[in-house]
Protein backbone atom coordinates (compact mmCIF):
# COMPACT_ATOMS: atom_id res chain seq x y z
CA UNK A 1 0.01 0.00 -0.11
CA UNK A 2 1.32 3.63 -0.74
CA UNK A 3 0.21 7.02 -1.70
CA UNK A 4 0.12 8.96 -4.89
CA UNK A 5 0.21 12.77 -5.07
CA UNK A 6 -0.68 12.89 -8.75
CA UNK A 7 -3.91 14.71 -7.84
CA UNK A 8 -1.90 17.42 -6.13
CA UNK A 9 0.39 17.98 -9.26
CA UNK A 10 -2.80 18.11 -11.45
CA UNK A 11 -4.54 20.65 -9.07
CA UNK A 12 -1.35 22.96 -9.16
CA UNK A 13 -1.61 22.86 -13.13
CA UNK A 14 -5.25 23.45 -12.99
CA UNK A 15 -4.70 26.47 -10.79
CA UNK A 16 -1.98 27.64 -12.97
CA UNK A 17 0.56 27.79 -10.17
CA UNK A 18 4.38 26.82 -10.14
CA UNK A 19 5.50 24.24 -7.63
CA UNK A 20 7.91 26.81 -6.05
CA UNK A 21 4.85 29.15 -5.50
CA UNK A 22 2.92 26.32 -3.82
CA UNK A 23 5.79 25.61 -1.58
CA UNK A 24 6.06 29.16 -0.34
CA UNK A 25 2.27 29.39 0.21
CA UNK A 26 2.29 26.25 2.26
CA UNK A 27 5.55 26.96 3.90
CA UNK A 28 7.05 23.57 2.94
CA UNK A 29 10.59 22.82 2.52
CA UNK A 30 12.25 21.60 -0.84
CA UNK A 31 13.23 18.29 0.72
CA UNK A 32 9.57 17.52 1.67
CA UNK A 33 8.36 18.55 -1.83
CA UNK A 34 10.85 16.23 -3.31
CA UNK A 35 9.64 13.19 -1.05
CA UNK A 36 6.04 14.12 -2.57
CA UNK A 37 7.44 14.12 -6.09
CA UNK A 38 8.56 10.45 -5.27
CA UNK A 39 5.18 9.59 -3.71
CA UNK A 40 6.90 9.07 -0.29
CA UNK A 41 4.91 9.49 2.85
CA UNK A 42 4.71 13.08 4.44
CA UNK A 43 3.06 14.30 7.78
CA UNK A 44 -0.47 15.15 7.99
CA UNK A 45 0.54 18.70 8.98
CA UNK A 46 2.13 19.05 5.43
CA UNK A 47 -1.08 17.96 3.85
CA UNK A 48 -3.24 20.34 5.91
CA UNK A 49 -0.87 23.20 5.05
CA UNK A 50 -1.28 22.47 1.33
CA UNK A 51 -5.06 22.20 1.54
CA UNK A 52 -5.26 25.51 3.27
CA UNK A 53 -2.93 27.14 0.79
CA UNK A 54 -4.80 25.62 -2.25
CA UNK A 55 -8.31 25.70 -0.68
CA UNK A 56 -8.97 22.12 -1.13
CA UNK A 57 -9.66 18.94 0.81
CA UNK A 58 -7.05 16.16 1.58
CA UNK A 59 -8.77 13.82 -0.73
CA UNK A 60 -8.21 16.37 -3.60
CA UNK A 61 -4.43 16.09 -3.37
CA UNK A 62 -3.64 12.56 -2.09
CA UNK A 63 -4.73 9.18 -3.25
CA UNK A 64 -4.18 5.82 -1.27
CA UNK A 65 -2.91 3.08 -3.66
CA UNK A 66 -3.73 -0.39 -2.64
């Protein structure tokens, strides 16, 4: 079982934002964003900050792969 952040990348494109802008808006480090690019686990706090910055729900940015 794993996670996919494909929905996050699609949402960023849909909102016409750059990844660097999203990182700054959500106050996320480059290393954390790099982990997400590799579909590695990140803390719930990171997901919440992204959701607040992007005005969305967690289910809009992460998918559980079974």
